[in-house]
Amino acid sequence: MAVDKKLKEKIIKEVQEGKSYYSVAKKYNFTPSSVRDICLRAGVKSKFKHAEKKYTDEEIIDFVKSKGVISQRELEKELGYTALNHRLLRMARDGKIRFIRLLGRSKYLGCKRLVYVDDEDLKKWFLEQLPNKMPKGLRALLRSKLKDLGVDVDLSYKYASRAVGIDPELYDKLKEEARKKNVSLKKYVEDILKGR
C-alpha cells in the first residue's frame, strides 16, 4: 500500500515525539507493524519496548510438564498472559513443546489447542478426559488425530451389557410395570432377575 509522503512524515513525527507504534497506527488506521516499518526505514525507533517476559521458555516447559497436558487458554490464564500463540508456535518449531489443535469445540474436551511435552502425557490425558461412551465419529476422529501424532491409543469401549430381543407385548408390559414402580425398565428387569 502506497502511503503519501506527508502522512509518512506525520507518522514519523508522532513516533519521534514519544507515541507508540500502536497508538499512531490506531489514529491513522494502519497496523502497528506498518507504522514500525515506516519509522524504521526513516531511522526512527519508538521509545516503547516490549514488556519483559514473565517466564522463560524453560519455565513454561516445566509448568506444562507439571500439568502433563493443558489447554492454551488455561496456560495463558495460569501464567498471566493474554496471548501466547506466537511464542508457543516458536517453541513447537524448536521442538521444545508440542500441541494438538482440535477443530471446533467438543463438549468432551472443551478446548481447541492442547499443549504438552510428552506423548505419554497426551495419551494419559485423553484416556482420563474422555467418557467411556462417546459418538463413534468423534472416537474415530480422535483416534486418527492421535495416530497422526504418533500416539497409539485405544478409544474403543466394551459394552457392559448386551441387547436382547423380546416380544413387543412383553416389552410393553414390563415397561408399564416399571413405570408403576417409578423405576427404569433396566432397573425393573434387574430386580426381577435378582428375585426382589
C-alpha atoms as a PDB file:
ATOM      1  CA  MET A   1       0.000   0.000   0.000  1.00  0.00           C
ATOM      2  CA  ALA A   2       1.428   3.351  -1.027  1.00  0.00           C
ATOM      3  CA  VAL A   3       1.449   5.965   1.718  1.00  0.00           C
ATOM      4  CA  ASP A   4       1.833   9.595   0.699  1.00  0.00           C
ATOM      5  CA  LYS A   5       4.885  11.494   1.880  1.00  0.00           C
ATOM      6  CA  LYS A   6       3.015  13.941   4.134  1.00  0.00           C
ATOM      7  CA  LEU A   7       1.295  11.115   6.015  1.00  0.00           C
ATOM      8  CA  LYS A   8       4.612   9.310   6.450  1.00  0.00           C
ATOM      9  CA  GLU A   9       6.111  12.498   7.897  1.00  0.00           C
ATOM     10  CA  LYS A  10       3.195  12.846  10.348  1.00  0.00           C
ATOM     11  CA  ILE A  11       3.596   9.232  11.459  1.00  0.00           C
ATOM     12  CA  ILE A  12       7.363   9.585  11.915  1.00  0.00           C
ATOM     13  CA  LYS A  13       6.962  12.883  13.797  1.00  0.00           C
ATOM     14  CA  GLU A  14       4.447  11.412  16.259  1.00  0.00           C
ATOM     15  CA  VAL A  15       6.663   8.410  16.976  1.00  0.00           C
ATOM     16  CA  GLN A  16       9.654  10.760  17.493  1.00  0.00           C
ATOM     17  CA  GLU A  17       7.535  12.732  19.960  1.00  0.00           C
ATOM     18  CA  GLY A  18       7.114   9.601  22.062  1.00  0.00           C
ATOM     19  CA  LYS A  19       3.935   7.960  20.873  1.00  0.00           C
ATOM     20  CA  SER A  20       3.820   4.198  20.468  1.00  0.00           C
ATOM     21  CA  TYR A  21       3.531   2.422  17.129  1.00  0.00           C
ATOM     22  CA  TYR A  22       0.184   1.081  18.318  1.00  0.00           C
ATOM     23  CA  SER A  23      -1.349   4.462  19.196  1.00  0.00           C
ATOM     24  CA  VAL A  24      -0.179   6.040  15.930  1.00  0.00           C
ATOM     25  CA  ALA A  25      -1.429   3.046  13.951  1.00  0.00           C
ATOM     26  CA  LYS A  26      -4.822   3.284  15.596  1.00  0.00           C
ATOM     27  CA  LYS A  27      -5.041   7.023  14.875  1.00  0.00           C
ATOM     28  CA  TYR A  28      -4.266   6.644  11.156  1.00  0.00           C
ATOM     29  CA  ASN A  29      -5.972   3.276  10.660  1.00  0.00           C
ATOM     30  CA  PHE A  30      -2.776   1.309   9.980  1.00  0.00           C
ATOM     31  CA  THR A  31      -1.352  -1.827  11.509  1.00  0.00           C
ATOM     32  CA  PRO A  32       1.346  -1.308  14.149  1.00  0.00           C
ATOM     33  CA  SER A  33       3.817  -3.266  12.006  1.00  0.00           C
ATOM     34  CA  SER A  34       3.216  -0.885   9.057  1.00  0.00           C
ATOM     35  CA  VAL A  35       3.879   2.136  11.282  1.00  0.00           C
ATOM     36  CA  ARG A  36       7.003   0.438  12.654  1.00  0.00           C
ATOM     37  CA  ASP A  37       8.252  -0.287   9.106  1.00  0.00           C
ATOM     38  CA  ILE A  38       7.709   3.318   8.011  1.00  0.00           C
ATOM     39  CA  CYS A  39       9.609   4.587  11.050  1.00  0.00           C
ATOM     40  CA  LEU A  40      12.459   2.081  10.818  1.00  0.00           C
ATOM     41  CA  ARG A  41      13.025   2.990   7.135  1.00  0.00           C
ATOM     42  CA  ALA A  42      13.383   6.582   8.302  1.00  0.00           C
ATOM     43  CA  GLY A  43      15.766   5.513  11.100  1.00  0.00           C
ATOM     44  CA  VAL A  44      13.281   6.283  13.896  1.00  0.00           C
ATOM     45  CA  LYS A  45      12.548   3.872  16.742  1.00  0.00           C
ATOM     46  CA  SER A  46       9.740   4.015  19.255  1.00  0.00           C
ATOM     47  CA  LYS A  47      10.713   4.694  22.866  1.00  0.00           C
ATOM     48  CA  PHE A  48       8.326   1.944  23.924  1.00  0.00           C
ATOM     49  CA  LYS A  49       9.750  -1.527  24.412  1.00  0.00           C
ATOM     50  CA  HIS A  50       8.083  -4.899  24.555  1.00  0.00           C
ATOM     51  CA  ALA A  51       7.085  -5.947  28.022  1.00  0.00           C
ATOM     52  CA  GLU A  52       9.599  -8.163  29.763  1.00  0.00           C
ATOM     53  CA  LYS A  53       8.782 -11.838  29.535  1.00  0.00           C
ATOM     54  CA  LYS A  54       7.156 -13.060  32.709  1.00  0.00           C
ATOM     55  CA  TYR A  55       8.533 -16.570  32.253  1.00  0.00           C
ATOM     56  CA  THR A  56      11.411 -18.066  30.289  1.00  0.00           C
ATOM     57  CA  ASP A  57      10.746 -20.818  27.768  1.00  0.00           C
ATOM     58  CA  GLU A  58      12.228 -23.339  30.206  1.00  0.00           C
ATOM     59  CA  GLU A  59       9.855 -22.204  32.971  1.00  0.00           C
ATOM     60  CA  ILE A  60       6.889 -22.580  30.618  1.00  0.00           C
ATOM     61  CA  ILE A  61       8.088 -26.060  29.614  1.00  0.00           C
ATOM     62  CA  ASP A  62       8.463 -27.057  33.276  1.00  0.00           C
ATOM     63  CA  PHE A  63       4.961 -25.758  34.003  1.00  0.00           C
ATOM     64  CA  VAL A  64       3.492 -27.725  31.079  1.00  0.00           C
ATOM     65  CA  LYS A  65       5.375 -30.844  32.229  1.00  0.00           C
ATOM     66  CA  SER A  66       3.936 -30.449  35.730  1.00  0.00           C
ATOM     67  CA  LYS A  67       0.404 -30.347  34.275  1.00  0.00           C
ATOM     68  CA  GLY A  68       1.021 -33.102  31.708  1.00  0.00           C
ATOM     69  CA  VAL A  69      -1.406 -31.579  29.205  1.00  0.00           C
ATOM     70  CA  ILE A  70      -3.015 -28.165  29.416  1.00  0.00           C
ATOM     71  CA  SER A  71      -5.146 -26.123  27.063  1.00  0.00           C
ATOM     72  CA  GLN A  72      -3.552 -22.990  25.665  1.00  0.00           C
ATOM     73  CA  ARG A  73      -6.281 -20.871  27.258  1.00  0.00           C
ATOM     74  CA  GLU A  74      -5.648 -22.412  30.706  1.00  0.00           C
ATOM     75  CA  LEU A  75      -1.893 -21.979  30.260  1.00  0.00           C
ATOM     76  CA  GLU A  76      -2.318 -18.289  29.440  1.00  0.00           C
ATOM     77  CA  LYS A  77      -4.629 -17.825  32.407  1.00  0.00           C
ATOM     78  CA  GLU A  78      -2.338 -19.681  34.854  1.00  0.00           C
ATOM     79  CA  LEU A  79       0.776 -17.763  33.766  1.00  0.00           C
ATOM     80  CA  GLY A  80      -0.956 -14.384  33.482  1.00  0.00           C
ATOM     81  CA  TYR A  81      -0.543 -13.883  29.733  1.00  0.00           C
ATOM     82  CA  THR A  82      -3.204 -12.567  27.390  1.00  0.00           C
ATOM     83  CA  ALA A  83      -1.849 -14.444  24.354  1.00  0.00           C
ATOM     84  CA  LEU A  84       0.933 -16.971  23.853  1.00  0.00           C
ATOM     85  CA  ASN A  85       0.168 -18.008  20.252  1.00  0.00           C
ATOM     86  CA  HIS A  86       3.368 -16.855  18.575  1.00  0.00           C
ATOM     87  CA  ARG A  87       5.594 -17.923  21.418  1.00  0.00           C
ATOM     88  CA  LEU A  88       4.088 -21.405  21.612  1.00  0.00           C
ATOM     89  CA  LEU A  89       4.366 -21.813  17.835  1.00  0.00           C
ATOM     90  CA  ARG A  90       8.056 -20.828  18.001  1.00  0.00           C
ATOM     91  CA  MET A  91       8.641 -23.229  20.891  1.00  0.00           C
ATOM     92  CA  ALA A  92       6.897 -26.004  18.917  1.00  0.00           C
ATOM     93  CA  ARG A  93       9.044 -25.280  15.832  1.00  0.00           C
ATOM     94  CA  ASP A  94      12.120 -25.500  18.063  1.00  0.00           C
ATOM     95  CA  GLY A  95      10.915 -28.883  19.341  1.00  0.00           C
ATOM     96  CA  LYS A  96      10.553 -27.704  22.953  1.00  0.00           C
ATOM     97  CA  ILE A  97       6.821 -28.393  23.248  1.00  0.00           C
ATOM     98  CA  ARG A  98       4.087 -29.996  21.209  1.00  0.00           C
ATOM     99  CA  PHE A  99       0.479 -29.120  20.694  1.00  0.00           C
ATOM    100  CA  ILE A 100      -2.561 -30.594  19.081  1.00  0.00           C
ATOM    101  CA  ARG A 101      -5.202 -28.380  17.541  1.00  0.00           C
ATOM    102  CA  LEU A 102      -8.764 -29.640  17.715  1.00  0.00           C
ATOM    103  CA  LEU A 103     -11.193 -28.266  15.187  1.00  0.00           C
ATOM    104  CA  GLY A 104     -14.409 -26.876  16.583  1.00  0.00           C
ATOM    105  CA  ARG A 105     -15.476 -27.217  20.192  1.00  0.00           C
ATOM    106  CA  SER A 106     -16.044 -30.571  21.739  1.00  0.00           C
ATOM    107  CA  LYS A 107     -18.357 -30.898  24.719  1.00  0.00           C
ATOM    108  CA  TYR A 108     -15.989 -33.598  25.926  1.00  0.00           C
ATOM    109  CA  LEU A 109     -12.751 -31.619  25.695  1.00  0.00           C
ATOM    110  CA  GLY A 110     -13.873 -28.003  25.955  1.00  0.00           C
ATOM    111  CA  CYS A 111     -10.809 -26.544  24.257  1.00  0.00           C
ATOM    112  CA  LYS A 112      -9.193 -26.049  20.868  1.00  0.00           C
ATOM    113  CA  ARG A 113      -5.435 -26.352  21.439  1.00  0.00           C
ATOM    114  CA  LEU A 114      -3.746 -28.701  23.881  1.00  0.00           C
ATOM    115  CA  VAL A 115      -0.139 -28.049  24.859  1.00  0.00           C
ATOM    116  CA  TYR A 116       2.093 -30.900  26.068  1.00  0.00           C
ATOM    117  CA  VAL A 117       5.693 -32.120  26.103  1.00  0.00           C
ATOM    118  CA  ASP A 118       5.462 -35.918  26.190  1.00  0.00           C
ATOM    119  CA  ASP A 119       3.230 -38.159  24.036  1.00  0.00           C
ATOM    120  CA  GLU A 120       2.532 -40.420  27.021  1.00  0.00           C
ATOM    121  CA  ASP A 121       1.107 -37.428  28.911  1.00  0.00           C
ATOM    122  CA  LEU A 122      -1.229 -36.729  25.982  1.00  0.00           C
ATOM    123  CA  LYS A 123      -2.335 -40.361  25.817  1.00  0.00           C
ATOM    124  CA  LYS A 124      -2.975 -40.459  29.575  1.00  0.00           C
ATOM    125  CA  TRP A 125      -4.834 -37.145  29.460  1.00  0.00           C
ATOM    126  CA  PHE A 126      -7.145 -38.318  26.668  1.00  0.00           C
ATOM    127  CA  LEU A 127      -7.965 -41.532  28.469  1.00  0.00           C
ATOM    128  CA  GLU A 128      -8.783 -39.611  31.667  1.00  0.00           C
ATOM    129  CA  GLN A 129     -10.847 -36.888  29.990  1.00  0.00           C
ATOM    130  CA  LEU A 130     -12.990 -38.789  27.580  1.00  0.00           C
ATOM    131  CA  PRO A 131     -16.092 -40.633  28.719  1.00  0.00           C
ATOM    132  CA  ASN A 132     -16.384 -44.346  28.117  1.00  0.00           C
ATOM    133  CA  LYS A 133     -19.239 -43.791  25.689  1.00  0.00           C
ATOM    134  CA  MET A 134     -18.972 -41.094  23.056  1.00  0.00           C
ATOM    135  CA  PRO A 135     -20.131 -40.740  19.462  1.00  0.00           C
ATOM    136  CA  LYS A 136     -18.450 -43.174  17.097  1.00  0.00           C
ATOM    137  CA  GLY A 137     -17.422 -40.378  14.718  1.00  0.00           C
ATOM    138  CA  LEU A 138     -15.703 -38.401  17.465  1.00  0.00           C
ATOM    139  CA  ARG A 139     -13.909 -41.519  18.676  1.00  0.00           C
ATOM    140  CA  ALA A 140     -12.654 -42.227  15.133  1.00  0.00           C
ATOM    141  CA  LEU A 141     -11.583 -38.593  14.638  1.00  0.00           C
ATOM    142  CA  LEU A 142      -9.603 -38.511  17.885  1.00  0.00           C
ATOM    143  CA  ARG A 143      -8.007 -41.908  17.246  1.00  0.00           C
ATOM    144  CA  SER A 144      -6.964 -40.750  13.755  1.00  0.00           C
ATOM    145  CA  LYS A 145      -5.634 -37.401  15.003  1.00  0.00           C
ATOM    146  CA  LEU A 146      -3.604 -39.093  17.738  1.00  0.00           C
ATOM    147  CA  LYS A 147      -2.291 -41.716  15.323  1.00  0.00           C
ATOM    148  CA  ASP A 148      -1.074 -38.910  13.027  1.00  0.00           C
ATOM    149  CA  LEU A 149       0.870 -37.585  16.006  1.00  0.00           C
ATOM    150  CA  GLY A 150       2.396 -40.993  16.665  1.00  0.00           C
ATOM    151  CA  VAL A 151       0.312 -41.635  19.769  1.00  0.00           C
ATOM    152  CA  ASP A 152      -1.356 -45.042  19.733  1.00  0.00           C
ATOM    153  CA  VAL A 153      -4.389 -45.071  21.996  1.00  0.00           C
ATOM    154  CA  ASP A 154      -7.362 -47.423  22.153  1.00  0.00           C
ATOM    155  CA  LEU A 155     -10.521 -45.337  22.405  1.00  0.00           C
ATOM    156  CA  SER A 156     -12.895 -48.240  21.932  1.00  0.00           C
ATOM    157  CA  TYR A 157     -15.130 -49.302  24.763  1.00  0.00           C
ATOM    158  CA  LYS A 158     -16.655 -52.571  25.750  1.00  0.00           C
ATOM    159  CA  TYR A 159     -20.366 -52.798  26.334  1.00  0.00           C
ATOM    160  CA  ALA A 160     -21.188 -53.793  29.895  1.00  0.00           C
ATOM    161  CA  SER A 161     -24.487 -55.254  28.726  1.00  0.00           C
ATOM    162  CA  ARG A 162     -25.888 -56.859  25.631  1.00  0.00           C
ATOM    163  CA  ALA A 163     -29.112 -56.241  23.761  1.00  0.00           C
ATOM    164  CA  VAL A 164     -31.762 -58.935  23.965  1.00  0.00           C
ATOM    165  CA  GLY A 165     -34.759 -59.268  21.654  1.00  0.00           C
ATOM    166  CA  ILE A 166     -38.127 -59.811  23.345  1.00  0.00           C
ATOM    167  CA  ASP A 167     -41.743 -59.972  22.264  1.00  0.00           C
ATOM    168  CA  PRO A 168     -43.220 -56.436  21.821  1.00  0.00           C
ATOM    169  CA  GLU A 169     -46.218 -57.265  24.061  1.00  0.00           C
ATOM    170  CA  LEU A 170     -43.915 -58.458  26.866  1.00  0.00           C
ATOM    171  CA  TYR A 171     -41.794 -55.329  26.419  1.00  0.00           C
ATOM    172  CA  ASP A 172     -44.854 -53.090  26.784  1.00  0.00           C
ATOM    173  CA  LYS A 173     -45.981 -54.972  29.926  1.00  0.00           C
ATOM    174  CA  LEU A 174     -42.524 -54.715  31.512  1.00  0.00           C
ATOM    175  CA  LYS A 175     -42.308 -51.032  30.628  1.00  0.00           C
ATOM    176  CA  GLU A 176     -45.745 -50.354  32.180  1.00  0.00           C
ATOM    177  CA  GLU A 177     -44.828 -52.235  35.394  1.00  0.00           C
ATOM    178  CA  ALA A 178     -41.549 -50.324  35.634  1.00  0.00           C
ATOM    179  CA  ARG A 179     -43.431 -47.040  35.215  1.00  0.00           C
ATOM    180  CA  LYS A 180     -45.852 -48.004  38.003  1.00  0.00           C
ATOM    181  CA  LYS A 181     -42.929 -48.697  40.357  1.00  0.00           C
ATOM    182  CA  ASN A 182     -41.285 -45.452  39.237  1.00  0.00           C
ATOM    183  CA  VAL A 183     -38.027 -47.139  38.152  1.00  0.00           C
ATOM    184  CA  SER A 184     -36.261 -47.519  34.838  1.00  0.00           C
ATOM    185  CA  LEU A 185     -37.012 -50.550  32.706  1.00  0.00           C
ATOM    186  CA  LYS A 186     -33.422 -51.735  33.115  1.00  0.00           C
ATOM    187  CA  LYS A 187     -33.668 -51.490  36.916  1.00  0.00           C
ATOM    188  CA  TYR A 188     -37.044 -53.297  36.952  1.00  0.00           C
ATOM    189  CA  VAL A 189     -35.707 -56.218  34.890  1.00  0.00           C
ATOM    190  CA  GLU A 190     -32.559 -56.408  37.066  1.00  0.00           C
ATOM    191  CA  ASP A 191     -34.757 -56.586  40.173  1.00  0.00           C
ATOM    192  CA  ILE A 192     -36.837 -59.407  38.637  1.00  0.00           C
ATOM    193  CA  LEU A 193     -33.674 -61.360  37.780  1.00  0.00           C
ATOM    194  CA  LYS A 194     -32.269 -60.868  41.267  1.00  0.00           C
ATOM    195  CA  GLY A 195     -35.564 -62.087  42.776  1.00  0.00           C
ATOM    196  CA  ARG A 196     -36.573 -58.851  44.522  1.00  0.00           C
END
